[in-house]
Amino acid sequence: TFTGTRSMLQHTVDRADALTPPTHRVTVVSASQEETARSQLHDRGGVLVAQPANCDTAPGVFLPLTYVRAADPDATVVIYPSDHFVHPEEQLVEAVRHAVCAINLLEDQLILLGIKPDGVDLDYGYIQLDRYVAGYGPHSLWHVGRFVEKPKRRLAKTLAEGQVLWNTMIIVAKVKTLWKLGAKVLPSMMDLFETLLPTVGGAREAQVLTRLYETMPKQNFSMDFLEHVFHKVSVLDVKDVLWSDWGRPKRIVQSLRKIGKVPAFPTELVGVA
């Protein structure tokens, strides 16, 4: 259930904690948001890691993954972006549960959660489906044909009319699979995280982390990583879930209206009538 008194981060943590103990959770934030995040996650448990600098989304994924690998190199991980709206949340959690079961059979794969487009959006990533793999509950699993990140309008319209899903960037995978693929595709970045790995939990951790980010390359998880390993990616077609990336204010209004809620702010402020 969506309630306006809780932050997007808190809702995301709720989803994570529905499937695993809070002690198994690693949350990564920018250094500028660390104080706010600590306040919102007070007494929630888990590990909070602050990035010394913003180096785009690939380091943002592999930094917390370093902490997970240090604790359990055989772990299965679920990666959740924290700026997404989903409704009902229970349906999404159940889809993630199915993906976790599937990854135990597809250990050398990554599983992305995808949502069928309900329109044309030029800011979203599109996943073109290839071969059908299997059904998991009401959801279906497919091999990925290709990724198209933020297409032009004509291409987006064509894609939306075909067999495609929107990329939610919710990912289920084995730590060792992500680490192996990262070393192959982004070796300079992964060498830095290999240096951090033995210091996690020790006295030198903060010092080493700060120093690594002085030379950390800026790399995008979608374009610099996923697009290069698409042959190792399957996608779960998530049914009966409303999903929206709230990176743009107008999407907040659109999402709330779809679930019968009235925005608590003047909609003209975000350019929506």
Protein backbone atom coordinates (compact mmCIF):
# COMPACT_ATOMS: atom_id res chain seq x y z
CA THR A 1 0.00 0.00 0.00
CA PHE A 2 1.32 3.43 -0.91
CA THR A 3 1.34 6.05 1.83
CA GLY A 4 2.71 9.52 1.27
CA THR A 5 4.34 9.68 4.71
CA ARG A 6 7.05 7.16 3.77
CA SER A 7 9.94 7.93 1.45
CA MET A 8 10.77 6.06 -1.76
CA LEU A 9 13.86 4.67 -0.03
CA GLN A 10 11.79 3.33 2.87
CA HIS A 11 9.32 1.67 0.48
CA THR A 12 12.21 0.04 -1.38
CA VAL A 13 13.69 -1.25 1.88
CA ASP A 14 10.27 -2.67 2.80
CA ARG A 15 10.30 -4.71 -0.43
CA ALA A 16 13.81 -5.96 0.23
CA ASP A 17 13.04 -6.91 3.83
CA ALA A 18 9.97 -8.89 2.74
CA LEU A 19 12.30 -11.51 1.25
CA THR A 20 15.40 -11.50 3.41
CA PRO A 21 16.50 -10.46 6.92
CA PRO A 22 17.54 -6.78 7.24
CA THR A 23 21.02 -7.94 8.27
CA HIS A 24 21.50 -9.16 4.69
CA ARG A 25 20.68 -5.79 3.13
CA VAL A 26 23.25 -3.32 1.75
CA THR A 27 22.00 0.16 0.82
CA VAL A 28 24.16 2.51 -1.23
CA VAL A 29 23.61 6.29 -1.31
CA SER A 30 25.54 9.34 -2.40
CA ALA A 31 27.62 11.04 0.29
CA SER A 32 25.32 14.08 0.14
CA GLN A 33 22.32 11.87 1.05
CA GLU A 34 23.99 9.84 3.79
CA GLU A 35 22.58 11.80 6.74
CA THR A 36 19.03 11.70 5.33
CA ALA A 37 19.29 7.97 4.59
CA ARG A 38 20.59 7.18 8.07
CA SER A 39 17.65 9.06 9.55
CA GLN A 40 15.10 7.25 7.36
CA LEU A 41 16.64 3.83 7.99
CA HIS A 42 17.17 4.35 11.73
CA ASP A 43 16.85 1.01 13.56
CA ARG A 44 16.16 -0.83 10.29
CA GLY A 45 19.44 -2.77 10.38
CA GLY A 46 21.62 -3.64 7.40
CA VAL A 47 24.68 -1.88 6.02
CA LEU A 48 24.59 1.67 4.64
CA VAL A 49 27.42 2.59 2.26
CA ALA A 50 28.00 6.16 1.07
CA GLN A 51 29.72 6.70 -2.27
CA PRO A 52 32.48 9.31 -1.98
CA ALA A 53 31.56 10.59 -5.47
CA ASN A 54 28.93 10.06 -8.14
CA CYS A 55 30.55 7.95 -10.86
CA ASP A 56 27.29 6.84 -12.52
CA THR A 57 25.34 3.64 -12.02
CA ALA A 58 27.89 0.86 -12.62
CA PRO A 59 30.00 1.74 -9.55
CA GLY A 60 26.71 2.35 -7.75
CA VAL A 61 25.86 -1.34 -8.27
CA PHE A 62 29.27 -2.92 -7.79
CA LEU A 63 30.19 -0.98 -4.65
CA PRO A 64 27.44 -2.55 -2.49
CA LEU A 65 28.05 -5.84 -4.30
CA THR A 66 31.60 -5.74 -2.91
CA TYR A 67 30.16 -5.71 0.61
CA VAL A 68 27.82 -8.60 -0.18
CA ARG A 69 30.68 -10.62 -1.69
CA ALA A 70 32.83 -9.98 1.37
CA ALA A 71 30.08 -11.45 3.56
CA ASP A 72 28.98 -14.33 1.29
CA PRO A 73 30.57 -14.93 -2.15
CA ASP A 74 27.87 -17.53 -2.96
CA ALA A 75 24.94 -15.21 -2.23
CA THR A 76 21.99 -14.49 -4.49
CA VAL A 77 21.34 -10.76 -4.73
CA VAL A 78 18.35 -8.63 -5.66
CA ILE A 79 19.17 -5.12 -6.87
CA TYR A 80 16.43 -2.52 -6.34
CA PRO A 81 16.51 1.08 -7.60
CA SER A 82 14.97 3.36 -4.96
CA ASP A 83 13.11 5.89 -7.12
CA HIS A 84 10.44 3.59 -8.52
CA PHE A 85 6.74 3.41 -7.73
CA VAL A 86 5.03 0.00 -7.83
CA HIS A 87 1.47 -1.01 -7.03
CA PRO A 88 0.54 -3.38 -5.59
CA GLU A 89 3.89 -3.96 -3.91
CA GLU A 90 2.97 -7.49 -2.85
CA GLN A 91 2.67 -8.53 -6.50
CA LEU A 92 6.15 -7.22 -7.29
CA VAL A 93 7.65 -8.96 -4.25
CA GLU A 94 6.06 -12.21 -5.41
CA ALA A 95 7.57 -11.75 -8.89
CA VAL A 96 11.00 -11.20 -7.33
CA ARG A 97 10.48 -14.38 -5.32
CA HIS A 98 9.88 -16.30 -8.56
CA ALA A 99 13.03 -14.77 -10.08
CA VAL A 100 15.07 -15.87 -7.06
CA CYS A 101 13.81 -19.42 -7.57
CA ALA A 102 14.62 -19.25 -11.28
CA ILE A 103 18.18 -18.01 -10.73
CA ASN A 104 18.95 -21.18 -8.79
CA LEU A 105 18.45 -23.02 -12.08
CA LEU A 106 20.15 -20.35 -14.25
CA GLU A 107 23.19 -19.55 -12.11
CA ASP A 108 25.25 -18.15 -14.99
CA GLN A 109 22.47 -15.74 -15.97
CA LEU A 110 21.10 -12.43 -14.74
CA ILE A 111 17.32 -12.04 -14.47
CA LEU A 112 15.79 -8.62 -15.04
CA LEU A 113 12.22 -7.76 -14.18
CA GLY A 114 10.34 -6.19 -17.08
CA ILE A 115 6.96 -4.46 -17.38
CA LYS A 116 4.79 -4.36 -20.49
CA PRO A 117 4.68 -0.76 -21.82
CA ASP A 118 1.37 1.07 -21.46
CA GLY A 119 2.52 3.88 -23.75
CA VAL A 120 5.61 5.45 -25.31
CA ASP A 121 8.23 6.85 -22.95
CA LEU A 122 11.56 8.11 -24.31
CA ASP A 123 13.31 8.02 -20.92
CA TYR A 124 12.88 4.30 -20.32
CA GLY A 125 15.04 1.39 -21.38
CA TYR A 126 13.36 -1.18 -23.63
CA ILE A 127 14.06 -4.92 -23.63
CA GLN A 128 13.39 -6.75 -26.87
CA LEU A 129 12.31 -10.32 -26.17
CA ASP A 130 13.87 -13.29 -27.91
CA ARG A 131 13.07 -16.91 -26.99
CA TYR A 132 10.54 -18.03 -24.38
CA VAL A 133 12.18 -19.95 -21.51
CA ALA A 134 9.53 -20.93 -18.96
CA GLY A 135 6.56 -19.82 -16.91
CA TYR A 136 6.83 -18.90 -13.24
CA GLY A 137 3.43 -18.44 -11.63
CA PRO A 138 1.60 -15.82 -13.75
CA HIS A 139 4.90 -14.51 -15.12
CA SER A 140 6.95 -15.67 -18.10
CA LEU A 141 10.71 -15.81 -18.54
CA TRP A 142 12.39 -14.86 -21.83
CA HIS A 143 15.88 -14.62 -23.25
CA VAL A 144 16.84 -11.04 -24.12
CA GLY A 145 17.22 -10.16 -27.79
CA ARG A 146 18.68 -6.70 -27.21
CA PHE A 147 18.48 -3.60 -25.05
CA VAL A 148 17.49 -0.19 -26.37
CA GLU A 149 18.20 2.62 -23.91
CA LYS A 150 16.15 5.83 -24.25
CA PRO A 151 15.16 5.43 -27.90
CA LYS A 152 14.05 8.21 -30.24
CA ARG A 153 10.27 8.64 -30.50
CA ARG A 154 9.80 6.79 -33.80
CA LEU A 155 11.82 3.80 -32.61
CA ALA A 156 10.12 3.82 -29.19
CA LYS A 157 6.71 3.71 -30.87
CA THR A 158 7.80 0.79 -33.05
CA LEU A 159 9.26 -1.05 -30.07
CA ALA A 160 6.14 -0.53 -27.96
CA GLU A 161 4.06 -2.19 -30.68
CA GLY A 162 6.26 -5.31 -30.64
CA GLN A 163 7.48 -7.89 -28.13
CA VAL A 164 9.23 -5.61 -25.66
CA LEU A 165 9.21 -4.79 -21.97
CA TRP A 166 10.27 -1.75 -20.02
CA ASN A 167 13.44 -2.34 -18.04
CA THR A 168 12.74 -1.84 -14.31
CA MET A 169 16.45 -2.35 -13.46
CA ILE A 170 15.38 -4.76 -10.71
CA ILE A 171 17.92 -7.54 -11.10
CA VAL A 172 18.30 -10.99 -9.55
CA ALA A 173 21.64 -12.77 -9.88
CA LYS A 174 24.36 -14.72 -8.15
CA VAL A 175 27.12 -12.49 -6.79
CA LYS A 176 29.77 -14.62 -8.48
CA THR A 177 28.03 -14.25 -11.87
CA LEU A 178 27.85 -10.45 -11.63
CA TRP A 179 31.44 -10.29 -10.42
CA LYS A 180 32.74 -12.49 -13.23
CA LEU A 181 30.90 -10.52 -15.91
CA GLY A 182 32.00 -7.23 -14.37
CA ALA A 183 35.65 -8.31 -14.47
CA LYS A 184 35.26 -9.18 -18.15
CA VAL A 185 33.39 -6.07 -19.29
CA LEU A 186 34.59 -3.36 -16.86
CA PRO A 187 38.06 -4.52 -15.76
CA SER A 188 39.46 -1.14 -14.63
CA MET A 189 36.51 -0.54 -12.31
CA MET A 190 36.51 -4.08 -10.98
CA ASP A 191 40.24 -3.93 -10.20
CA LEU A 192 39.45 -1.08 -7.81
CA PHE A 193 36.71 -3.01 -6.07
CA GLU A 194 39.03 -6.03 -5.79
CA THR A 195 41.34 -3.73 -3.84
CA LEU A 196 38.49 -2.70 -1.54
CA LEU A 197 37.25 -6.25 -0.93
CA PRO A 198 39.82 -7.39 1.71
CA THR A 199 39.41 -4.14 3.69
CA VAL A 200 35.62 -4.39 4.17
CA GLY A 201 34.85 -4.31 7.88
CA GLY A 202 38.39 -3.32 8.79
CA ALA A 203 40.09 -0.17 10.03
CA ARG A 204 41.32 0.81 6.53
CA GLU A 205 37.97 0.46 4.75
CA ALA A 206 36.95 4.16 4.70
CA GLN A 207 40.44 5.32 3.71
CA VAL A 208 40.73 2.82 0.87
CA LEU A 209 37.21 3.57 -0.39
CA THR A 210 37.89 7.32 -0.53
CA ARG A 211 41.15 6.78 -2.38
CA LEU A 212 39.60 4.40 -4.92
CA TYR A 213 36.95 6.92 -5.89
CA GLU A 214 39.64 9.43 -6.82
CA THR A 215 40.32 7.30 -9.91
CA MET A 216 36.96 5.52 -10.28
CA PRO A 217 35.84 5.57 -13.94
CA LYS A 218 32.37 6.91 -14.71
CA GLN A 219 30.46 4.01 -16.25
CA ASN A 220 26.78 3.37 -16.81
CA PHE A 221 25.36 0.02 -15.72
CA SER A 222 22.87 -0.21 -18.60
CA MET A 223 24.99 1.00 -21.52
CA ASP A 224 28.48 0.00 -20.39
CA PHE A 225 27.57 -3.31 -18.77
CA LEU A 226 24.13 -4.81 -19.55
CA GLU A 227 24.25 -4.10 -23.28
CA HIS A 228 27.57 -5.97 -23.48
CA VAL A 229 26.32 -9.08 -21.66
CA PHE A 230 22.78 -9.30 -23.09
CA HIS A 231 23.40 -12.95 -24.07
CA LYS A 232 23.66 -13.69 -20.33
CA VAL A 233 20.41 -11.92 -19.42
CA SER A 234 16.88 -13.25 -19.16
CA VAL A 235 13.84 -11.13 -18.38
CA LEU A 236 10.80 -11.95 -16.26
CA ASP A 237 7.60 -10.46 -17.68
CA VAL A 238 5.89 -9.15 -14.54
CA LYS A 239 2.10 -9.23 -14.74
CA ASP A 240 -0.52 -7.13 -12.95
CA VAL A 241 1.87 -4.53 -11.50
CA LEU A 242 1.76 -0.79 -12.11
CA TRP A 243 5.36 0.44 -12.33
CA SER A 244 6.77 3.93 -12.90
CA ASP A 245 10.15 5.57 -12.60
CA TRP A 246 9.46 8.74 -10.63
CA GLY A 247 12.43 10.57 -12.09
CA ARG A 248 10.00 13.09 -13.60
CA PRO A 249 7.34 14.86 -11.48
CA LYS A 250 4.54 14.35 -14.01
CA ARG A 251 4.85 10.58 -13.60
CA ILE A 252 3.94 10.96 -9.93
CA VAL A 253 0.61 12.52 -10.92
CA GLN A 254 -0.01 9.91 -13.61
CA SER A 255 0.71 7.00 -11.24
CA LEU A 256 -1.47 8.33 -8.44
CA ARG A 257 -4.38 8.90 -10.79
CA LYS A 258 -4.11 5.32 -12.10
CA ILE A 259 -4.65 3.95 -8.58
CA GLY A 260 -7.44 6.40 -7.80
CA LYS A 261 -5.44 8.78 -5.60
CA VAL A 262 -5.54 12.57 -5.68
CA PRO A 263 -2.11 14.28 -5.60
CA ALA A 264 -1.61 16.39 -2.49
CA PHE A 265 -0.01 19.19 -4.53
CA PRO A 266 -1.21 21.43 -7.39
CA THR A 267 -0.74 19.36 -10.56
CA GLU A 268 -0.10 22.48 -12.65
CA LEU A 269 3.23 22.77 -10.87
CA VAL A 270 4.45 19.74 -12.81
CA GLY A 271 2.76 20.61 -16.08
CA VAL A 272 -0.14 18.15 -15.82
CA ALA A 273 -3.71 19.30 -16.28
